Amino acid sequence: VTPNSPAARAGLQAGDVIVELAGRPVQGLKDLSDILKSRKPGETVPVTFLRQGTKRSVAVQLQQR
């Protein structure tokens, strides 16, 4: 997680495993990339992730890369 990135501002931490993005399952980096390509900067998407075995969710506002 890059400091001051949208993920960091939403509370994601190094070691978190994203399992769902915008309501779609994420099995790996390709899934994550494909889902992000279909979204626009400024849009807020729900992210479900695992942290130390516990499932959590946050909203992340996307930004231009």
C-alpha atoms as a PDB file:
ATOM      1  CA  VAL A   1       0.000   0.000   0.000  1.00  0.00           C
ATOM      2  CA  THR A   2       1.536   3.263  -1.132  1.00  0.00           C
ATOM      3  CA  PRO A   3       1.501   6.068   1.468  1.00  0.00           C
ATOM      4  CA  ASN A   4      -1.234   8.679   0.852  1.00  0.00           C
ATOM      5  CA  SER A   5      -2.815   6.519  -1.879  1.00  0.00           C
ATOM      6  CA  PRO A   6      -6.595   6.032  -2.061  1.00  0.00           C
ATOM      7  CA  ALA A   7      -6.123   2.565  -0.526  1.00  0.00           C
ATOM      8  CA  ALA A   8      -4.045   3.943   2.350  1.00  0.00           C
ATOM      9  CA  ARG A   9      -6.532   6.769   2.995  1.00  0.00           C
ATOM     10  CA  ALA A  10      -9.332   4.171   3.142  1.00  0.00           C
ATOM     11  CA  GLY A  11      -7.412   2.220   5.785  1.00  0.00           C
ATOM     12  CA  LEU A  12      -5.955  -0.663   3.756  1.00  0.00           C
ATOM     13  CA  GLN A  13      -2.604  -1.903   5.034  1.00  0.00           C
ATOM     14  CA  ALA A  14       0.299  -3.938   3.701  1.00  0.00           C
ATOM     15  CA  GLY A  15      -0.630  -7.602   4.008  1.00  0.00           C
ATOM     16  CA  ASP A  16      -4.365  -7.091   3.437  1.00  0.00           C
ATOM     17  CA  VAL A  17      -5.749  -9.443   0.774  1.00  0.00           C
ATOM     18  CA  ILE A  18      -8.454  -7.978  -1.482  1.00  0.00           C
ATOM     19  CA  VAL A  19     -11.125 -10.616  -2.139  1.00  0.00           C
ATOM     20  CA  GLU A  20     -13.842  -8.455  -3.712  1.00  0.00           C
ATOM     21  CA  LEU A  21     -13.885  -5.123  -5.537  1.00  0.00           C
ATOM     22  CA  ALA A  22     -17.039  -3.286  -6.596  1.00  0.00           C
ATOM     23  CA  GLY A  23     -19.101  -6.396  -5.873  1.00  0.00           C
ATOM     24  CA  ARG A  24     -16.958  -8.650  -8.071  1.00  0.00           C
ATOM     25  CA  PRO A  25     -14.688 -11.422  -6.756  1.00  0.00           C
ATOM     26  CA  VAL A  26     -10.927 -10.944  -7.016  1.00  0.00           C
ATOM     27  CA  GLN A  27      -8.811 -14.074  -7.497  1.00  0.00           C
ATOM     28  CA  GLY A  28      -5.582 -12.300  -8.452  1.00  0.00           C
ATOM     29  CA  LEU A  29      -3.965  -9.182  -9.904  1.00  0.00           C
ATOM     30  CA  LYS A  30      -5.558  -9.656 -13.339  1.00  0.00           C
ATOM     31  CA  ASP A  31      -9.055  -9.602 -11.832  1.00  0.00           C
ATOM     32  CA  LEU A  32      -8.173  -6.502  -9.814  1.00  0.00           C
ATOM     33  CA  SER A  33      -6.774  -4.749 -12.887  1.00  0.00           C
ATOM     34  CA  ASP A  34      -9.740  -5.703 -15.103  1.00  0.00           C
ATOM     35  CA  ILE A  35     -12.250  -4.395 -12.556  1.00  0.00           C
ATOM     36  CA  LEU A  36     -10.343  -1.130 -12.077  1.00  0.00           C
ATOM     37  CA  LYS A  37     -10.155  -0.575 -15.860  1.00  0.00           C
ATOM     38  CA  SER A  38     -13.955  -0.574 -15.992  1.00  0.00           C
ATOM     39  CA  ARG A  39     -14.202   2.223 -13.392  1.00  0.00           C
ATOM     40  CA  LYS A  40     -13.615   5.972 -13.554  1.00  0.00           C
ATOM     41  CA  PRO A  41     -11.483   8.284 -11.393  1.00  0.00           C
ATOM     42  CA  GLY A  42     -13.583   9.870  -8.661  1.00  0.00           C
ATOM     43  CA  GLU A  43     -15.868   6.852  -8.386  1.00  0.00           C
ATOM     44  CA  THR A  44     -16.145   5.257  -4.944  1.00  0.00           C
ATOM     45  CA  VAL A  45     -16.096   1.455  -4.885  1.00  0.00           C
ATOM     46  CA  PRO A  46     -16.529  -1.027  -2.046  1.00  0.00           C
ATOM     47  CA  VAL A  47     -13.490  -3.180  -1.286  1.00  0.00           C
ATOM     48  CA  THR A  48     -13.729  -6.371   0.757  1.00  0.00           C
ATOM     49  CA  PHE A  49     -10.454  -7.698   2.129  1.00  0.00           C
ATOM     50  CA  LEU A  50      -8.989 -10.104   4.639  1.00  0.00           C
ATOM     51  CA  ARG A  51      -6.782  -8.859   7.461  1.00  0.00           C
ATOM     52  CA  GLN A  52      -5.369 -11.495   9.780  1.00  0.00           C
ATOM     53  CA  GLY A  53      -8.174 -13.878   8.839  1.00  0.00           C
ATOM     54  CA  THR A  54     -10.988 -11.366   9.419  1.00  0.00           C
ATOM     55  CA  LYS A  55     -13.116 -10.133   6.508  1.00  0.00           C
ATOM     56  CA  ARG A  56     -13.563  -6.357   6.413  1.00  0.00           C
ATOM     57  CA  SER A  57     -14.973  -3.816   3.957  1.00  0.00           C
ATOM     58  CA  VAL A  58     -14.151  -0.183   3.151  1.00  0.00           C
ATOM     59  CA  ALA A  59     -15.090   2.323   0.456  1.00  0.00           C
ATOM     60  CA  VAL A  60     -12.232   3.573  -1.728  1.00  0.00           C
ATOM     61  CA  GLN A  61     -12.446   6.642  -3.958  1.00  0.00           C
ATOM     62  CA  LEU A  62     -10.516   5.955  -7.159  1.00  0.00           C
ATOM     63  CA  GLN A  63      -8.112   8.510  -8.567  1.00  0.00           C
ATOM     64  CA  GLN A  64      -6.311   9.042 -11.862  1.00  0.00           C
ATOM     65  CA  ARG A  65      -3.143   7.020 -12.052  1.00  0.00           C
END
